[in-house]
Amino acid sequence: MDLYHVEARYQEIVTLPEEFIEKLPKKVALFTTVQFLNSKPALKEQLEKTGREVVSVRPRHTKYDGQILGCSTSSFDLDEDTSFLYVGDGLFHPKALVLRNNRKVFMYDPKTGEDGWLDKDSVGVILKKVKSEFIRFLTAKNVGILITMKPGQNKEYMTKKLEEQYPDKNFYYFVDHTISFPGLVDFPFVDIFLNTMCERIGSDDMDVQGLHILNLEDLWDMRDGVFDDRL
């Protein structure tokens, strides 16, 4: 079966209110969703006319510079004085920026005209839960690995060395196209589940059904001290 991904673009060109631009720092990395990418050149030009420097980066799994996917949390090697600017609706996408970067995210919703900002305190509860699940993993005897067969989300290759790195643990592999979280309660002997699917499952959905879930990427980051400056 052939699959086609059709981009739905917002046809109007978005501009930022002057009073909102005045709140922005002198250097920002501009992000938006695929729906508003048509406005990205105009937004960049508008910001640069105010003397601000606009940085453009491409997160993992995206097709365009400045495009952001909520299910992909990426960290960026940028100057310390660079903040993030997200143009789009909702909090799902800007939260992805904050989770991996200790930077302020300024937000503007082109549909409602509302603006705001997020920082590490906005996701503090999530980060503390990640640390709690990491500690649980370290003491766990039985670990369940969640693997999807969906193209683009299948990361089975990332689990290969776990048994070598943690020889004292028993690993059980749960493989499906779509994992049923209610069904996982049928395996009460599993102390914690390691998620290799969408990275937001191990943060936004970690409390579903009372399960203990940790992202594989978060396991590595906690082990390497990446989260230390965010907790």
C-alpha atoms as a PDB file:
ATOM      1  CA  MET A   1       0.000   0.000   0.000  1.00  0.00           C
ATOM      2  CA  ASP A   2       1.367   3.396  -1.010  1.00  0.00           C
ATOM      3  CA  LEU A   3       1.348   6.132   1.603  1.00  0.00           C
ATOM      4  CA  TYR A   4       1.072   9.830   0.774  1.00  0.00           C
ATOM      5  CA  HIS A   5       1.718  12.636   3.241  1.00  0.00           C
ATOM      6  CA  VAL A   6      -0.187  15.746   2.209  1.00  0.00           C
ATOM      7  CA  GLU A   7       0.863  19.026   3.819  1.00  0.00           C
ATOM      8  CA  ALA A   8      -1.988  21.301   4.858  1.00  0.00           C
ATOM      9  CA  ARG A   9      -0.749  24.902   4.722  1.00  0.00           C
ATOM     10  CA  TYR A  10      -2.397  27.964   6.241  1.00  0.00           C
ATOM     11  CA  GLN A  11      -2.739  30.328   3.281  1.00  0.00           C
ATOM     12  CA  GLU A  12      -2.734  33.681   5.093  1.00  0.00           C
ATOM     13  CA  ILE A  13       0.654  35.200   5.908  1.00  0.00           C
ATOM     14  CA  VAL A  14       1.120  35.610   9.646  1.00  0.00           C
ATOM     15  CA  THR A  15       2.645  38.773  11.108  1.00  0.00           C
ATOM     16  CA  LEU A  16       3.604  39.411  14.715  1.00  0.00           C
ATOM     17  CA  PRO A  17       2.122  42.328  16.723  1.00  0.00           C
ATOM     18  CA  GLU A  18       4.660  45.036  17.523  1.00  0.00           C
ATOM     19  CA  GLU A  19       3.913  44.830  21.247  1.00  0.00           C
ATOM     20  CA  PHE A  20       4.766  41.121  21.195  1.00  0.00           C
ATOM     21  CA  ILE A  21       8.025  41.671  19.311  1.00  0.00           C
ATOM     22  CA  GLU A  22       9.068  44.181  21.950  1.00  0.00           C
ATOM     23  CA  LYS A  23       8.996  41.347  24.520  1.00  0.00           C
ATOM     24  CA  LEU A  24      11.436  39.239  22.515  1.00  0.00           C
ATOM     25  CA  PRO A  25      15.196  39.115  23.134  1.00  0.00           C
ATOM     26  CA  LYS A  26      17.683  40.159  20.459  1.00  0.00           C
ATOM     27  CA  LYS A  27      18.366  36.601  19.282  1.00  0.00           C
ATOM     28  CA  VAL A  28      15.713  33.940  18.691  1.00  0.00           C
ATOM     29  CA  ALA A  29      15.474  30.546  17.037  1.00  0.00           C
ATOM     30  CA  LEU A  30      12.230  30.504  15.068  1.00  0.00           C
ATOM     31  CA  PHE A  31      10.001  27.404  15.076  1.00  0.00           C
ATOM     32  CA  THR A  32       6.570  26.651  13.677  1.00  0.00           C
ATOM     33  CA  THR A  33       4.475  23.722  12.525  1.00  0.00           C
ATOM     34  CA  VAL A  34       4.120  22.684   8.896  1.00  0.00           C
ATOM     35  CA  GLN A  35       0.762  24.499   8.707  1.00  0.00           C
ATOM     36  CA  PHE A  36       2.404  27.923   9.137  1.00  0.00           C
ATOM     37  CA  LEU A  37       5.635  27.381   7.215  1.00  0.00           C
ATOM     38  CA  ASN A  38       4.394  29.655   4.409  1.00  0.00           C
ATOM     39  CA  SER A  39       4.770  32.551   6.850  1.00  0.00           C
ATOM     40  CA  LYS A  40       8.295  31.725   8.002  1.00  0.00           C
ATOM     41  CA  PRO A  41      10.148  33.961   5.484  1.00  0.00           C
ATOM     42  CA  ALA A  42       7.882  36.924   6.282  1.00  0.00           C
ATOM     43  CA  LEU A  43       8.244  36.357  10.032  1.00  0.00           C
ATOM     44  CA  LYS A  44      12.013  36.219   9.714  1.00  0.00           C
ATOM     45  CA  GLU A  45      12.061  39.440   7.695  1.00  0.00           C
ATOM     46  CA  GLN A  46       9.752  41.197  10.161  1.00  0.00           C
ATOM     47  CA  LEU A  47      11.960  40.252  13.110  1.00  0.00           C
ATOM     48  CA  GLU A  48      15.201  41.191  11.364  1.00  0.00           C
ATOM     49  CA  LYS A  49      13.813  44.645  10.554  1.00  0.00           C
ATOM     50  CA  THR A  50      13.629  45.248  14.307  1.00  0.00           C
ATOM     51  CA  GLY A  51      17.333  44.478  14.649  1.00  0.00           C
ATOM     52  CA  ARG A  52      16.856  40.933  15.940  1.00  0.00           C
ATOM     53  CA  GLU A  53      18.903  37.973  14.802  1.00  0.00           C
ATOM     54  CA  VAL A  54      16.846  34.982  13.682  1.00  0.00           C
ATOM     55  CA  VAL A  55      18.431  31.526  13.918  1.00  0.00           C
ATOM     56  CA  SER A  56      17.076  28.634  11.872  1.00  0.00           C
ATOM     57  CA  VAL A  57      17.663  25.000  12.851  1.00  0.00           C
ATOM     58  CA  ARG A  58      16.121  21.709  11.752  1.00  0.00           C
ATOM     59  CA  PRO A  59      14.918  19.321  14.477  1.00  0.00           C
ATOM     60  CA  ARG A  60      15.130  15.574  14.014  1.00  0.00           C
ATOM     61  CA  HIS A  61      12.598  13.871  11.737  1.00  0.00           C
ATOM     62  CA  THR A  62      11.552  17.121  10.045  1.00  0.00           C
ATOM     63  CA  LYS A  63      11.688  18.104   6.390  1.00  0.00           C
ATOM     64  CA  TYR A  64      12.184  21.861   6.730  1.00  0.00           C
ATOM     65  CA  ASP A  65      14.328  24.244   8.768  1.00  0.00           C
ATOM     66  CA  GLY A  66      12.336  25.613  11.682  1.00  0.00           C
ATOM     67  CA  GLN A  67       9.646  22.943  11.418  1.00  0.00           C
ATOM     68  CA  ILE A  68       8.768  21.291  14.716  1.00  0.00           C
ATOM     69  CA  LEU A  69       7.035  18.014  15.491  1.00  0.00           C
ATOM     70  CA  GLY A  70       5.589  17.591  18.952  1.00  0.00           C
ATOM     71  CA  CYS A  71       6.582  13.927  19.140  1.00  0.00           C
ATOM     72  CA  SER A  72      10.258  14.704  18.552  1.00  0.00           C
ATOM     73  CA  THR A  73      12.165  16.271  21.426  1.00  0.00           C
ATOM     74  CA  SER A  74      15.543  17.617  20.311  1.00  0.00           C
ATOM     75  CA  SER A  75      18.343  19.518  21.997  1.00  0.00           C
ATOM     76  CA  PHE A  76      20.180  22.232  20.081  1.00  0.00           C
ATOM     77  CA  ASP A  77      23.737  23.491  20.390  1.00  0.00           C
ATOM     78  CA  LEU A  78      23.059  27.233  20.331  1.00  0.00           C
ATOM     79  CA  ASP A  79      24.563  30.286  21.986  1.00  0.00           C
ATOM     80  CA  GLU A  80      23.435  30.831  25.564  1.00  0.00           C
ATOM     81  CA  ASP A  81      21.745  34.121  24.658  1.00  0.00           C
ATOM     82  CA  THR A  82      19.451  32.456  22.097  1.00  0.00           C
ATOM     83  CA  SER A  83      15.807  32.003  23.098  1.00  0.00           C
ATOM     84  CA  PHE A  84      13.085  30.158  21.204  1.00  0.00           C
ATOM     85  CA  LEU A  85      10.126  31.649  19.373  1.00  0.00           C
ATOM     86  CA  TYR A  86       7.226  29.349  18.535  1.00  0.00           C
ATOM     87  CA  VAL A  87       4.496  30.508  16.162  1.00  0.00           C
ATOM     88  CA  GLY A  88       1.522  28.166  16.245  1.00  0.00           C
ATOM     89  CA  ASP A  89      -1.318  26.969  18.443  1.00  0.00           C
ATOM     90  CA  GLY A  90      -1.350  24.903  21.615  1.00  0.00           C
ATOM     91  CA  LEU A  91       1.319  23.970  24.151  1.00  0.00           C
ATOM     92  CA  PHE A  92       2.222  20.513  22.852  1.00  0.00           C
ATOM     93  CA  HIS A  93       4.930  21.697  20.461  1.00  0.00           C
ATOM     94  CA  PRO A  94       6.610  24.382  22.591  1.00  0.00           C
ATOM     95  CA  LYS A  95       6.741  21.937  25.501  1.00  0.00           C
ATOM     96  CA  ALA A  96       8.851  19.689  23.278  1.00  0.00           C
ATOM     97  CA  LEU A  97      11.386  22.514  23.030  1.00  0.00           C
ATOM     98  CA  VAL A  98      11.504  23.125  26.774  1.00  0.00           C
ATOM     99  CA  LEU A  99      11.838  19.448  27.694  1.00  0.00           C
ATOM    100  CA  ARG A 100      15.257  19.151  26.039  1.00  0.00           C
ATOM    101  CA  ASN A 101      16.540  22.712  26.251  1.00  0.00           C
ATOM    102  CA  ASN A 102      16.978  24.942  29.258  1.00  0.00           C
ATOM    103  CA  ARG A 103      15.751  27.996  27.343  1.00  0.00           C
ATOM    104  CA  LYS A 104      12.743  30.268  27.441  1.00  0.00           C
ATOM    105  CA  VAL A 105      10.165  29.713  24.704  1.00  0.00           C
ATOM    106  CA  PHE A 106       8.109  32.700  23.581  1.00  0.00           C
ATOM    107  CA  MET A 107       4.814  31.743  21.934  1.00  0.00           C
ATOM    108  CA  TYR A 108       2.408  33.471  19.577  1.00  0.00           C
ATOM    109  CA  ASP A 109      -0.868  31.912  18.410  1.00  0.00           C
ATOM    110  CA  PRO A 110      -1.739  33.343  14.954  1.00  0.00           C
ATOM    111  CA  LYS A 111      -5.336  32.128  15.168  1.00  0.00           C
ATOM    112  CA  THR A 112      -6.246  33.705  18.534  1.00  0.00           C
ATOM    113  CA  GLY A 113      -3.644  36.470  18.743  1.00  0.00           C
ATOM    114  CA  GLU A 114      -2.653  35.292  22.228  1.00  0.00           C
ATOM    115  CA  ASP A 115       0.973  35.186  23.346  1.00  0.00           C
ATOM    116  CA  GLY A 116       2.908  33.830  26.295  1.00  0.00           C
ATOM    117  CA  TRP A 117       6.032  31.970  27.274  1.00  0.00           C
ATOM    118  CA  LEU A 118       7.275  28.725  28.811  1.00  0.00           C
ATOM    119  CA  ASP A 119      10.445  27.871  30.714  1.00  0.00           C
ATOM    120  CA  LYS A 120      11.844  24.864  32.593  1.00  0.00           C
ATOM    121  CA  ASP A 121       9.507  25.536  35.542  1.00  0.00           C
ATOM    122  CA  SER A 122       6.579  24.970  33.167  1.00  0.00           C
ATOM    123  CA  VAL A 123       7.621  21.333  32.677  1.00  0.00           C
ATOM    124  CA  GLY A 124       9.141  20.836  36.125  1.00  0.00           C
ATOM    125  CA  VAL A 125       6.580  18.202  37.117  1.00  0.00           C
ATOM    126  CA  ILE A 126       7.355  16.166  33.999  1.00  0.00           C
ATOM    127  CA  LEU A 127      11.111  16.348  34.548  1.00  0.00           C
ATOM    128  CA  LYS A 128      10.756  15.252  38.179  1.00  0.00           C
ATOM    129  CA  LYS A 129       8.657  12.293  37.073  1.00  0.00           C
ATOM    130  CA  VAL A 130      11.323  11.353  34.534  1.00  0.00           C
ATOM    131  CA  LYS A 131      13.910  11.337  37.320  1.00  0.00           C
ATOM    132  CA  SER A 132      11.621   9.224  39.502  1.00  0.00           C
ATOM    133  CA  GLU A 133      11.130   6.665  36.721  1.00  0.00           C
ATOM    134  CA  PHE A 134      14.873   6.612  36.063  1.00  0.00           C
ATOM    135  CA  ILE A 135      15.516   5.698  39.687  1.00  0.00           C
ATOM    136  CA  ARG A 136      12.855   3.001  39.433  1.00  0.00           C
ATOM    137  CA  PHE A 137      14.557   1.595  36.345  1.00  0.00           C
ATOM    138  CA  LEU A 138      17.888   1.365  38.155  1.00  0.00           C
ATOM    139  CA  THR A 139      16.332  -0.812  40.863  1.00  0.00           C
ATOM    140  CA  ALA A 140      13.992  -2.758  38.562  1.00  0.00           C
ATOM    141  CA  LYS A 141      14.461  -6.466  37.947  1.00  0.00           C
ATOM    142  CA  ASN A 142      11.968  -6.948  35.104  1.00  0.00           C
ATOM    143  CA  VAL A 143      11.846  -4.379  32.295  1.00  0.00           C
ATOM    144  CA  GLY A 144       9.378  -4.310  29.405  1.00  0.00           C
ATOM    145  CA  ILE A 145      10.526  -2.803  26.086  1.00  0.00           C
ATOM    146  CA  LEU A 146       7.748  -1.167  24.037  1.00  0.00           C
ATOM    147  CA  ILE A 147       8.423  -1.387  20.285  1.00  0.00           C
ATOM    148  CA  THR A 148       6.165  -0.281  17.437  1.00  0.00           C
ATOM    149  CA  MET A 149       6.406  -1.477  13.854  1.00  0.00           C
ATOM    150  CA  LYS A 150       5.242   1.899  12.511  1.00  0.00           C
ATOM    151  CA  PRO A 151       7.671   3.326   9.920  1.00  0.00           C
ATOM    152  CA  GLY A 152       9.563   6.261  11.366  1.00  0.00           C
ATOM    153  CA  GLN A 153       8.841   5.254  14.964  1.00  0.00           C
ATOM    154  CA  ASN A 154      10.395   1.798  14.973  1.00  0.00           C
ATOM    155  CA  LYS A 155      13.610   2.040  16.982  1.00  0.00           C
ATOM    156  CA  GLU A 156      14.254  -1.600  17.790  1.00  0.00           C
ATOM    157  CA  TYR A 157      17.905  -1.083  16.846  1.00  0.00           C
ATOM    158  CA  MET A 158      18.303   1.245  19.837  1.00  0.00           C
ATOM    159  CA  THR A 159      17.587  -1.581  22.309  1.00  0.00           C
ATOM    160  CA  LYS A 160      20.296  -4.002  21.170  1.00  0.00           C
ATOM    161  CA  LYS A 161      22.867  -3.234  23.869  1.00  0.00           C
ATOM    162  CA  LEU A 162      20.515  -3.006  26.840  1.00  0.00           C
ATOM    163  CA  GLU A 163      21.012  -6.623  27.878  1.00  0.00           C
ATOM    164  CA  GLU A 164      24.791  -6.124  27.753  1.00  0.00           C
ATOM    165  CA  GLN A 165      24.657  -2.860  29.687  1.00  0.00           C
ATOM    166  CA  TYR A 166      22.298  -4.192  32.365  1.00  0.00           C
ATOM    167  CA  PRO A 167      22.999  -7.950  32.696  1.00  0.00           C
ATOM    168  CA  ASP A 168      21.235  -8.128  36.086  1.00  0.00           C
ATOM    169  CA  LYS A 169      17.849  -7.263  34.560  1.00  0.00           C
ATOM    170  CA  ASN A 170      15.320  -9.380  32.672  1.00  0.00           C
ATOM    171  CA  PHE A 171      14.090  -7.731  29.448  1.00  0.00           C
ATOM    172  CA  TYR A 172      10.735  -8.535  27.850  1.00  0.00           C
ATOM    173  CA  TYR A 173       9.892  -7.188  24.385  1.00  0.00           C
ATOM    174  CA  PHE A 174       6.380  -5.995  23.518  1.00  0.00           C
ATOM    175  CA  VAL A 175       6.085  -5.519  19.741  1.00  0.00           C
ATOM    176  CA  ASP A 176       2.965  -4.324  17.913  1.00  0.00           C
ATOM    177  CA  HIS A 177       1.831  -1.758  15.376  1.00  0.00           C
ATOM    178  CA  THR A 178      -0.077   0.122  18.080  1.00  0.00           C
ATOM    179  CA  ILE A 179       0.577  -0.690  21.720  1.00  0.00           C
ATOM    180  CA  SER A 180      -2.521  -1.030  23.912  1.00  0.00           C
ATOM    181  CA  PHE A 181      -1.636   0.588  27.226  1.00  0.00           C
ATOM    182  CA  PRO A 182      -4.650  -0.853  29.090  1.00  0.00           C
ATOM    183  CA  GLY A 183      -3.440  -4.278  27.987  1.00  0.00           C
ATOM    184  CA  LEU A 184      -0.065  -3.752  29.645  1.00  0.00           C
ATOM    185  CA  VAL A 185      -1.627  -4.022  33.102  1.00  0.00           C
ATOM    186  CA  ASP A 186      -1.928  -7.749  32.360  1.00  0.00           C
ATOM    187  CA  PHE A 187       1.819  -8.008  32.980  1.00  0.00           C
ATOM    188  CA  PRO A 188       2.121  -6.980  36.643  1.00  0.00           C
ATOM    189  CA  PHE A 189       5.522  -8.654  36.983  1.00  0.00           C
ATOM    190  CA  VAL A 190       7.038  -5.872  34.822  1.00  0.00           C
ATOM    191  CA  ASP A 191       8.524  -3.248  37.141  1.00  0.00           C
ATOM    192  CA  ILE A 192       8.855  -0.549  34.462  1.00  0.00           C
ATOM    193  CA  PHE A 193       8.368  -0.146  30.714  1.00  0.00           C
ATOM    194  CA  LEU A 194      11.003   1.424  28.463  1.00  0.00           C
ATOM    195  CA  ASN A 195       9.341   3.301  25.611  1.00  0.00           C
ATOM    196  CA  THR A 196      11.033   3.343  22.186  1.00  0.00           C
ATOM    197  CA  MET A 197       8.052   4.791  20.310  1.00  0.00           C
ATOM    198  CA  CYS A 198       6.925   8.435  20.274  1.00  0.00           C
ATOM    199  CA  GLU A 199       9.101  10.232  22.820  1.00  0.00           C
ATOM    200  CA  ARG A 200       6.171  12.095  24.350  1.00  0.00           C
ATOM    201  CA  ILE A 201       4.618   8.850  25.649  1.00  0.00           C
ATOM    202  CA  GLY A 202       7.225   8.609  28.374  1.00  0.00           C
ATOM    203  CA  SER A 203       6.489  12.135  29.548  1.00  0.00           C
ATOM    204  CA  ASP A 204       2.950  13.290  28.737  1.00  0.00           C
ATOM    205  CA  ASP A 205       1.392   9.819  29.128  1.00  0.00           C
ATOM    206  CA  MET A 206       3.569   8.331  31.843  1.00  0.00           C
ATOM    207  CA  ASP A 207       0.635   8.136  34.281  1.00  0.00           C
ATOM    208  CA  VAL A 208      -1.693   6.261  31.925  1.00  0.00           C
ATOM    209  CA  GLN A 209      -3.248   3.226  33.621  1.00  0.00           C
ATOM    210  CA  GLY A 210      -0.903   3.754  36.563  1.00  0.00           C
ATOM    211  CA  LEU A 211       1.999   2.300  34.564  1.00  0.00           C
ATOM    212  CA  HIS A 212       5.630   3.186  35.084  1.00  0.00           C
ATOM    213  CA  ILE A 213       7.086   4.309  31.731  1.00  0.00           C
ATOM    214  CA  LEU A 214      10.474   5.788  30.865  1.00  0.00           C
ATOM    215  CA  ASN A 215      11.658   6.897  27.424  1.00  0.00           C
ATOM    216  CA  LEU A 216      14.798   5.142  26.254  1.00  0.00           C
ATOM    217  CA  GLU A 217      16.234   8.547  25.291  1.00  0.00           C
ATOM    218  CA  ASP A 218      15.537   9.852  28.802  1.00  0.00           C
ATOM    219  CA  LEU A 219      17.294   6.829  30.284  1.00  0.00           C
ATOM    220  CA  TRP A 220      20.439   7.741  28.381  1.00  0.00           C
ATOM    221  CA  ASP A 221      20.154  11.442  29.214  1.00  0.00           C
ATOM    222  CA  MET A 222      19.611  10.801  32.920  1.00  0.00           C
ATOM    223  CA  ARG A 223      22.508   8.374  32.956  1.00  0.00           C
ATOM    224  CA  ASP A 224      24.767  10.917  31.218  1.00  0.00           C
ATOM    225  CA  GLY A 225      23.672  13.844  33.400  1.00  0.00           C
ATOM    226  CA  VAL A 226      22.020  15.763  30.544  1.00  0.00           C
ATOM    227  CA  PHE A 227      19.005  16.686  32.700  1.00  0.00           C
ATOM    228  CA  ASP A 228      21.053  17.871  35.687  1.00  0.00           C
ATOM    229  CA  ASP A 229      20.694  21.579  34.888  1.00  0.00           C
ATOM    230  CA  ARG A 230      16.929  21.251  34.416  1.00  0.00           C
ATOM    231  CA  LEU A 231      15.950  19.591  37.679  1.00  0.00           C
END
